[in-house]
PDB file of all heavy atoms in Angstrom:
ATOM      1  N   ALA A   1      40.063  40.464  60.144  1.00  0.00           N
ATOM      2  CA  ALA A   1      39.780  39.091  59.768  1.00  0.00           C
ATOM      3  C   ALA A   1      40.045  38.862  58.279  1.00  0.00           C
ATOM      4  O   ALA A   1      39.689  39.694  57.447  1.00  0.00           O
ATOM      5  CB  ALA A   1      38.339  38.733  60.106  1.00  0.00           C
ATOM      6  N   SER A   2      40.643  37.728  57.979  1.00  0.00           N
ATOM      7  CA  SER A   2      40.971  37.403  56.590  1.00  0.00           C
ATOM      8  C   SER A   2      39.784  36.727  55.903  1.00  0.00           C
ATOM      9  O   SER A   2      39.755  35.505  55.730  1.00  0.00           O
ATOM     10  CB  SER A   2      42.200  36.491  56.536  1.00  0.00           C
ATOM     11  OG  SER A   2      43.326  37.150  57.076  1.00  0.00           O
ATOM     12  N   ARG A   3      38.792  37.508  55.560  1.00  0.00           N
ATOM     13  CA  ARG A   3      37.633  37.015  54.837  1.00  0.00           C
ATOM     14  C   ARG A   3      37.588  37.665  53.464  1.00  0.00           C
ATOM     15  O   ARG A   3      38.098  38.766  53.274  1.00  0.00           O
ATOM     16  CB  ARG A   3      36.332  37.365  55.592  1.00  0.00           C
ATOM     17  CG  ARG A   3      36.151  36.665  56.925  1.00  0.00           C
ATOM     18  CD  ARG A   3      34.754  36.943  57.470  1.00  0.00           C
ATOM     19  NE  ARG A   3      34.490  36.215  58.697  1.00  0.00           N
ATOM     20  CZ  ARG A   3      34.689  36.706  59.914  1.00  0.00           C
ATOM     21  NH1 ARG A   3      35.166  37.925  60.057  1.00  0.00           N
ATOM     22  NH2 ARG A   3      34.417  35.982  60.979  1.00  0.00           N
ATOM     23  N   PRO A   4      36.954  37.010  52.489  1.00  0.00           N
ATOM     24  CA  PRO A   4      36.806  37.637  51.168  1.00  0.00           C
ATOM     25  C   PRO A   4      36.021  38.946  51.285  1.00  0.00           C
ATOM     26  O   PRO A   4      35.114  39.072  52.099  1.00  0.00           O
ATOM     27  CB  PRO A   4      36.001  36.592  50.378  1.00  0.00           C
ATOM     28  CG  PRO A   4      36.267  35.288  51.072  1.00  0.00           C
ATOM     29  CD  PRO A   4      36.405  35.637  52.529  1.00  0.00           C
ATOM     30  N   GLY A   5      36.410  39.928  50.460  1.00  0.00           N
ATOM     31  CA  GLY A   5      35.702  41.201  50.471  1.00  0.00           C
ATOM     32  C   GLY A   5      35.974  42.046  51.690  1.00  0.00           C
ATOM     33  O   GLY A   5      35.123  42.823  52.126  1.00  0.00           O
ATOM     34  N   ARG A   6      37.185  41.892  52.262  1.00  0.00           N
ATOM     35  CA  ARG A   6      37.574  42.695  53.420  1.00  0.00           C
ATOM     36  C   ARG A   6      38.871  43.446  53.101  1.00  0.00           C
ATOM     37  O   ARG A   6      39.698  42.978  52.326  1.00  0.00           O
ATOM     38  CB  ARG A   6      37.794  41.825  54.669  1.00  0.00           C
ATOM     39  CG  ARG A   6      36.560  41.061  55.118  1.00  0.00           C
ATOM     40  CD  ARG A   6      35.457  42.012  55.567  1.00  0.00           C
ATOM     41  NE  ARG A   6      34.367  41.322  56.244  1.00  0.00           N
ATOM     42  CZ  ARG A   6      33.298  40.836  55.652  1.00  0.00           C
ATOM     43  NH1 ARG A   6      33.179  40.959  54.332  1.00  0.00           N
ATOM     44  NH2 ARG A   6      32.353  40.232  56.328  1.00  0.00           N
ATOM     45  N   ILE A   7      39.023  44.610  53.701  1.00  0.00           N
ATOM     46  CA  ILE A   7      40.249  45.391  53.548  1.00  0.00           C
ATOM     47  C   ILE A   7      41.013  45.346  54.860  1.00  0.00           C
ATOM     48  O   ILE A   7      40.454  45.627  55.920  1.00  0.00           O
ATOM     49  CB  ILE A   7      39.934  46.860  53.197  1.00  0.00           C
ATOM     50  CG1 ILE A   7      39.114  46.956  51.906  1.00  0.00           C
ATOM     51  CG2 ILE A   7      41.223  47.675  53.072  1.00  0.00           C
ATOM     52  CD1 ILE A   7      38.621  48.380  51.616  1.00  0.00           C
ATOM     53  N   ASN A   8      42.280  45.002  54.786  1.00  0.00           N
ATOM     54  CA  ASN A   8      43.165  45.078  55.950  1.00  0.00           C
ATOM     55  C   ASN A   8      44.605  45.158  55.460  1.00  0.00           C
ATOM     56  O   ASN A   8      44.879  44.983  54.272  1.00  0.00           O
ATOM     57  CB  ASN A   8      42.952  43.894  56.907  1.00  0.00           C
ATOM     58  CG  ASN A   8      43.025  42.564  56.198  1.00  0.00           C
ATOM     59  OD1 ASN A   8      44.005  42.270  55.516  1.00  0.00           O
ATOM     60  ND2 ASN A   8      41.990  41.744  56.349  1.00  0.00           N
ATOM     61  N   ILE A   9      45.523  45.406  56.357  1.00  0.00           N
ATOM     62  CA  ILE A   9      46.916  45.593  55.954  1.00  0.00           C
ATOM     63  C   ILE A   9      47.491  44.314  55.378  1.00  0.00           C
ATOM     64  O   ILE A   9      48.313  44.346  54.453  1.00  0.00           O
ATOM     65  CB  ILE A   9      47.770  46.101  57.146  1.00  0.00           C
ATOM     66  CG1 ILE A   9      49.164  46.508  56.672  1.00  0.00           C
ATOM     67  CG2 ILE A   9      47.833  45.074  58.243  1.00  0.00           C
ATOM     68  CD1 ILE A   9      49.190  47.665  55.707  1.00  0.00           C
ATOM     69  N   GLN A  10      47.043  43.170  55.863  1.00  0.00           N
ATOM     70  CA  GLN A  10      47.565  41.892  55.372  1.00  0.00           C
ATOM     71  C   GLN A  10      47.207  41.662  53.899  1.00  0.00           C
ATOM     72  O   GLN A  10      48.042  41.209  53.117  1.00  0.00           O
ATOM     73  CB  GLN A  10      47.012  40.744  56.213  1.00  0.00           C
ATOM     74  CG  GLN A  10      47.541  39.365  55.794  1.00  0.00           C
ATOM     75  CD  GLN A  10      47.011  38.256  56.671  1.00  0.00           C
ATOM     76  OE1 GLN A  10      46.351  38.483  57.682  1.00  0.00           O
ATOM     77  NE2 GLN A  10      47.283  37.022  56.296  1.00  0.00           N
ATOM     78  N   SER A  11      45.987  41.982  53.527  1.00  0.00           N
ATOM     79  CA  SER A  11      45.566  41.772  52.143  1.00  0.00           C
ATOM     80  C   SER A  11      45.994  42.905  51.214  1.00  0.00           C
ATOM     81  O   SER A  11      46.270  42.692  50.036  1.00  0.00           O
ATOM     82  CB  SER A  11      44.043  41.595  52.068  1.00  0.00           C
ATOM     83  OG  SER A  11      43.380  42.767  52.521  1.00  0.00           O
ATOM     84  N   ALA A  12      46.048  44.129  51.755  1.00  0.00           N
ATOM     85  CA  ALA A  12      46.347  45.294  50.915  1.00  0.00           C
ATOM     86  C   ALA A  12      47.835  45.483  50.661  1.00  0.00           C
ATOM     87  O   ALA A  12      48.236  45.916  49.564  1.00  0.00           O
ATOM     88  CB  ALA A  12      45.776  46.562  51.561  1.00  0.00           C
ATOM     89  N   ALA A  13      48.683  45.181  51.635  1.00  0.00           N
ATOM     90  CA  ALA A  13      50.122  45.442  51.524  1.00  0.00           C
ATOM     91  C   ALA A  13      50.779  44.805  50.296  1.00  0.00           C
ATOM     92  O   ALA A  13      51.522  45.498  49.585  1.00  0.00           O
ATOM     93  CB  ALA A  13      50.825  45.016  52.807  1.00  0.00           C
ATOM     94  N   PRO A  14      50.534  43.521  50.000  1.00  0.00           N
ATOM     95  CA  PRO A  14      51.188  42.934  48.821  1.00  0.00           C
ATOM     96  C   PRO A  14      50.777  43.623  47.513  1.00  0.00           C
ATOM     97  O   PRO A  14      51.617  43.804  46.619  1.00  0.00           O
ATOM     98  CB  PRO A  14      50.702  41.470  48.847  1.00  0.00           C
ATOM     99  CG  PRO A  14      50.306  41.221  50.259  1.00  0.00           C
ATOM    100  CD  PRO A  14      49.751  42.515  50.743  1.00  0.00           C
ATOM    101  N   LEU A  15      49.509  44.016  47.401  1.00  0.00           N
ATOM    102  CA  LEU A  15      49.039  44.692  46.196  1.00  0.00           C
ATOM    103  C   LEU A  15      49.689  46.059  46.061  1.00  0.00           C
ATOM    104  O   LEU A  15      50.151  46.443  44.978  1.00  0.00           O
ATOM    105  CB  LEU A  15      47.516  44.836  46.234  1.00  0.00           C
ATOM    106  CG  LEU A  15      46.696  43.558  46.395  1.00  0.00           C
ATOM    107  CD1 LEU A  15      45.205  43.895  46.438  1.00  0.00           C
ATOM    108  CD2 LEU A  15      46.981  42.585  45.277  1.00  0.00           C
ATOM    109  N   LEU A  16      49.721  46.791  47.156  1.00  0.00           N
ATOM    110  CA  LEU A  16      50.297  48.135  47.134  1.00  0.00           C
ATOM    111  C   LEU A  16      51.799  48.087  46.859  1.00  0.00           C
ATOM    112  O   LEU A  16      52.332  48.898  46.093  1.00  0.00           O
ATOM    113  CB  LEU A  16      50.039  48.831  48.474  1.00  0.00           C
ATOM    114  CG  LEU A  16      48.570  49.150  48.765  1.00  0.00           C
ATOM    115  CD1 LEU A  16      48.384  49.548  50.229  1.00  0.00           C
ATOM    116  CD2 LEU A  16      48.061  50.252  47.849  1.00  0.00           C
ATOM    117  N   LYS A  17      52.473  47.122  47.442  1.00  0.00           N
ATOM    118  CA  LYS A  17      53.925  47.000  47.230  1.00  0.00           C
ATOM    119  C   LYS A  17      54.232  46.728  45.758  1.00  0.00           C
ATOM    120  O   LYS A  17      55.169  47.321  45.190  1.00  0.00           O
ATOM    121  CB  LYS A  17      54.477  45.871  48.088  1.00  0.00           C
ATOM    122  CG  LYS A  17      55.993  45.778  48.070  1.00  0.00           C
ATOM    123  CD  LYS A  17      56.503  44.745  49.058  1.00  0.00           C
ATOM    124  CE  LYS A  17      58.021  44.692  49.063  1.00  0.00           C
ATOM    125  NZ  LYS A  17      58.538  43.702  50.044  1.00  0.00           N
ATOM    126  N   ARG A  18      53.450  45.859  45.110  1.00  0.00           N
ATOM    127  CA  ARG A  18      53.650  45.584  43.688  1.00  0.00           C
ATOM    128  C   ARG A  18      53.365  46.813  42.839  1.00  0.00           C
ATOM    129  O   ARG A  18      54.090  47.111  41.878  1.00  0.00           O
ATOM    130  CB  ARG A  18      52.765  44.421  43.261  1.00  0.00           C
ATOM    131  CG  ARG A  18      53.275  43.052  43.699  1.00  0.00           C
ATOM    132  CD  ARG A  18      52.211  41.995  43.573  1.00  0.00           C
ATOM    133  NE  ARG A  18      51.615  41.984  42.232  1.00  0.00           N
ATOM    134  CZ  ARG A  18      50.442  41.437  41.944  1.00  0.00           C
ATOM    135  NH1 ARG A  18      49.720  40.872  42.917  1.00  0.00           N
ATOM    136  NH2 ARG A  18      49.976  41.449  40.722  1.00  0.00           N
ATOM    137  N   ALA A  19      52.308  47.532  43.195  1.00  0.00           N
ATOM    138  CA  ALA A  19      51.932  48.714  42.416  1.00  0.00           C
ATOM    139  C   ALA A  19      53.008  49.799  42.482  1.00  0.00           C
ATOM    140  O   ALA A  19      53.422  50.350  41.450  1.00  0.00           O
ATOM    141  CB  ALA A  19      50.607  49.265  42.911  1.00  0.00           C
ATOM    142  N   PHE A  20      53.462  50.089  43.677  1.00  0.00           N
ATOM    143  CA  PHE A  20      54.487  51.140  43.832  1.00  0.00           C
ATOM    144  C   PHE A  20      55.849  50.670  43.346  1.00  0.00           C
ATOM    145  O   PHE A  20      56.748  51.488  43.154  1.00  0.00           O
ATOM    146  CB  PHE A  20      54.561  51.571  45.301  1.00  0.00           C
ATOM    147  CG  PHE A  20      53.468  52.514  45.721  1.00  0.00           C
ATOM    148  CD1 PHE A  20      52.302  52.039  46.286  1.00  0.00           C
ATOM    149  CD2 PHE A  20      53.597  53.879  45.530  1.00  0.00           C
ATOM    150  CE1 PHE A  20      51.283  52.900  46.677  1.00  0.00           C
ATOM    151  CE2 PHE A  20      52.604  54.761  45.907  1.00  0.00           C
ATOM    152  CZ  PHE A  20      51.435  54.268  46.474  1.00  0.00           C
ATOM    153  N   GLY A  21      56.003  49.374  43.148  1.00  0.00           N
ATOM    154  CA  GLY A  21      57.267  48.839  42.670  1.00  0.00           C
ATOM    155  C   GLY A  21      57.468  48.951  41.176  1.00  0.00           C
ATOM    156  O   GLY A  21      58.551  48.655  40.668  1.00  0.00           O
ATOM    157  N   ILE A  22      56.454  49.373  40.436  1.00  0.00           N
ATOM    158  CA  ILE A  22      56.576  49.563  38.989  1.00  0.00           C
ATOM    159  C   ILE A  22      57.316  50.875  38.750  1.00  0.00           C
ATOM    160  O   ILE A  22      56.738  51.969  38.866  1.00  0.00           O
ATOM    161  CB  ILE A  22      55.193  49.565  38.309  1.00  0.00           C
ATOM    162  CG1 ILE A  22      54.509  48.202  38.552  1.00  0.00           C
ATOM    163  CG2 ILE A  22      55.330  49.845  36.814  1.00  0.00           C
ATOM    164  CD1 ILE A  22      53.123  48.100  37.985  1.00  0.00           C
ATOM    165  N   LYS A  23      58.577  50.790  38.407  1.00  0.00           N
ATOM    166  CA  LYS A  23      59.471  51.946  38.392  1.00  0.00           C
ATOM    167  C   LYS A  23      59.042  53.044  37.433  1.00  0.00           C
ATOM    168  O   LYS A  23      59.140  54.228  37.734  1.00  0.00           O
ATOM    169  CB  LYS A  23      60.893  51.490  38.066  1.00  0.00           C
ATOM    170  CG  LYS A  23      61.519  50.617  39.152  1.00  0.00           C
ATOM    171  CD  LYS A  23      62.951  50.231  38.799  1.00  0.00           C
ATOM    172  CE  LYS A  23      63.567  49.388  39.907  1.00  0.00           C
ATOM    173  NZ  LYS A  23      64.964  48.999  39.605  1.00  0.00           N
ATOM    174  N   ARG A  24      58.577  52.665  36.244  1.00  0.00           N
ATOM    175  CA  ARG A  24      58.303  53.710  35.247  1.00  0.00           C
ATOM    176  C   ARG A  24      56.930  54.345  35.399  1.00  0.00           C
ATOM    177  O   ARG A  24      56.555  55.202  34.602  1.00  0.00           O
ATOM    178  CB  ARG A  24      58.484  53.171  33.833  1.00  0.00           C
ATOM    179  CG  ARG A  24      57.535  52.060  33.417  1.00  0.00           C
ATOM    180  CD  ARG A  24      58.028  51.412  32.124  1.00  0.00           C
ATOM    181  NE  ARG A  24      57.106  50.401  31.606  1.00  0.00           N
ATOM    182  CZ  ARG A  24      56.287  50.622  30.602  1.00  0.00           C
ATOM    183  NH1 ARG A  24      56.245  51.813  30.025  1.00  0.00           N
ATOM    184  NH2 ARG A  24      55.493  49.662  30.171  1.00  0.00           N
ATOM    185  N   ALA A  25      56.180  53.938  36.422  1.00  0.00           N
ATOM    186  CA  ALA A  25      54.869  54.536  36.660  1.00  0.00           C
ATOM    187  C   ALA A  25      55.028  55.816  37.477  1.00  0.00           C
ATOM    188  O   ALA A  25      55.576  55.776  38.574  1.00  0.00           O
ATOM    189  CB  ALA A  25      53.973  53.554  37.402  1.00  0.00           C
ATOM    190  N   PRO A  26      54.553  56.946  36.970  1.00  0.00           N
ATOM    191  CA  PRO A  26      54.694  58.218  37.710  1.00  0.00           C
ATOM    192  C   PRO A  26      53.692  58.340  38.861  1.00  0.00           C
ATOM    193  O   PRO A  26      53.842  59.190  39.728  1.00  0.00           O
ATOM    194  CB  PRO A  26      54.421  59.277  36.648  1.00  0.00           C
ATOM    195  CG  PRO A  26      53.488  58.598  35.696  1.00  0.00           C
ATOM    196  CD  PRO A  26      53.915  57.153  35.654  1.00  0.00           C
ATOM    197  N   ALA A  27      52.649  57.506  38.835  1.00  0.00           N
ATOM    198  CA  ALA A  27      51.597  57.589  39.854  1.00  0.00           C
ATOM    199  C   ALA A  27      50.983  56.223  40.062  1.00  0.00           C
ATOM    200  O   ALA A  27      51.137  55.306  39.247  1.00  0.00           O
ATOM    201  CB  ALA A  27      50.528  58.603  39.424  1.00  0.00           C
ATOM    202  N   VAL A  28      50.262  56.102  41.175  1.00  0.00           N
ATOM    203  CA  VAL A  28      49.499  54.889  41.466  1.00  0.00           C
ATOM    204  C   VAL A  28      48.054  55.302  41.692  1.00  0.00           C
ATOM    205  O   VAL A  28      47.785  56.258  42.435  1.00  0.00           O
ATOM    206  CB  VAL A  28      50.044  54.155  42.706  1.00  0.00           C
ATOM    207  CG1 VAL A  28      49.111  53.019  43.122  1.00  0.00           C
ATOM    208  CG2 VAL A  28      51.437  53.604  42.434  1.00  0.00           C
ATOM    209  N   ALA A  29      47.126  54.611  41.035  1.00  0.00           N
ATOM    210  CA  ALA A  29      45.705  54.869  41.218  1.00  0.00           C
ATOM    211  C   ALA A  29      45.135  53.853  42.192  1.00  0.00           C
ATOM    212  O   ALA A  29      45.377  52.657  42.062  1.00  0.00           O
ATOM    213  CB  ALA A  29      44.975  54.778  39.882  1.00  0.00           C
ATOM    214  N   ILE A  30      44.400  54.337  43.174  1.00  0.00           N
ATOM    215  CA  ILE A  30      43.776  53.463  44.170  1.00  0.00           C
ATOM    216  C   ILE A  30      42.275  53.696  44.146  1.00  0.00           C
ATOM    217  O   ILE A  30      41.802  54.830  44.315  1.00  0.00           O
ATOM    218  CB  ILE A  30      44.337  53.727  45.576  1.00  0.00           C
ATOM    219  CG1 ILE A  30      45.840  53.444  45.602  1.00  0.00           C
ATOM    220  CG2 ILE A  30      43.606  52.872  46.611  1.00  0.00           C
ATOM    221  CD1 ILE A  30      46.506  53.757  46.929  1.00  0.00           C
ATOM    222  N   ILE A  31      41.523  52.620  43.905  1.00  0.00           N
ATOM    223  CA  ILE A  31      40.065  52.692  43.917  1.00  0.00           C
ATOM    224  C   ILE A  31      39.585  52.307  45.314  1.00  0.00           C
ATOM    225  O   ILE A  31      39.953  51.238  45.826  1.00  0.00           O
ATOM    226  CB  ILE A  31      39.454  51.739  42.878  1.00  0.00           C
ATOM    227  CG1 ILE A  31      39.946  52.097  41.478  1.00  0.00           C
ATOM    228  CG2 ILE A  31      37.932  51.775  42.948  1.00  0.00           C
ATOM    229  CD1 ILE A  31      39.538  51.087  40.421  1.00  0.00           C
ATOM    230  N   ILE A  32      38.775  53.154  45.921  1.00  0.00           N
ATOM    231  CA  ILE A  32      38.228  52.891  47.255  1.00  0.00           C
ATOM    232  C   ILE A  32      36.718  52.707  47.157  1.00  0.00           C
ATOM    233  O   ILE A  32      36.013  53.500  46.541  1.00  0.00           O
ATOM    234  CB  ILE A  32      38.525  54.057  48.213  1.00  0.00           C
ATOM    235  CG1 ILE A  32      40.029  54.192  48.468  1.00  0.00           C
ATOM    236  CG2 ILE A  32      37.793  53.853  49.539  1.00  0.00           C
ATOM    237  CD1 ILE A  32      40.623  53.140  49.354  1.00  0.00           C
ATOM    238  N   ASN A  33      36.249  51.636  47.797  1.00  0.00           N
ATOM    239  CA  ASN A  33      34.809  51.427  47.912  1.00  0.00           C
ATOM    240  C   ASN A  33      34.572  50.733  49.249  1.00  0.00           C
ATOM    241  O   ASN A  33      34.635  49.505  49.343  1.00  0.00           O
ATOM    242  CB  ASN A  33      34.279  50.565  46.761  1.00  0.00           C
ATOM    243  CG  ASN A  33      32.773  50.651  46.624  1.00  0.00           C
ATOM    244  OD1 ASN A  33      32.160  51.625  47.044  1.00  0.00           O
ATOM    245  ND2 ASN A  33      32.157  49.633  46.044  1.00  0.00           N
ATOM    246  N   SER A  34      34.353  51.530  50.295  1.00  0.00           N
ATOM    247  CA  SER A  34      34.249  50.953  51.637  1.00  0.00           C
ATOM    248  C   SER A  34      33.386  51.818  52.548  1.00  0.00           C
ATOM    249  O   SER A  34      33.524  53.047  52.567  1.00  0.00           O
ATOM    250  CB  SER A  34      35.645  50.818  52.264  1.00  0.00           C
ATOM    251  OG  SER A  34      35.555  50.393  53.604  1.00  0.00           O
ATOM    252  N   PRO A  35      32.521  51.157  53.355  1.00  0.00           N
ATOM    253  CA  PRO A  35      31.709  51.889  54.321  1.00  0.00           C
ATOM    254  C   PRO A  35      32.428  52.112  55.640  1.00  0.00           C
ATOM    255  O   PRO A  35      31.886  52.720  56.548  1.00  0.00           O
ATOM    256  CB  PRO A  35      30.505  50.965  54.515  1.00  0.00           C
ATOM    257  CG  PRO A  35      31.098  49.597  54.387  1.00  0.00           C
ATOM    258  CD  PRO A  35      32.152  49.729  53.325  1.00  0.00           C
ATOM    259  N   GLY A  36      33.662  51.586  55.744  1.00  0.00           N
ATOM    260  CA  GLY A  36      34.429  51.772  56.962  1.00  0.00           C
ATOM    261  C   GLY A  36      34.684  50.473  57.709  1.00  0.00           C
ATOM    262  O   GLY A  36      34.555  49.381  57.144  1.00  0.00           O
TER     263      GLY A  36
END
């Protein structure tokens, strides 16, 4: 469900794509805070 404060592929994919798209970055840091 697309609600605020939720994790799903629809909300996460655009953020992850932008992060991994930064060419000169050797790594990507991902902060996780979720009960499942």
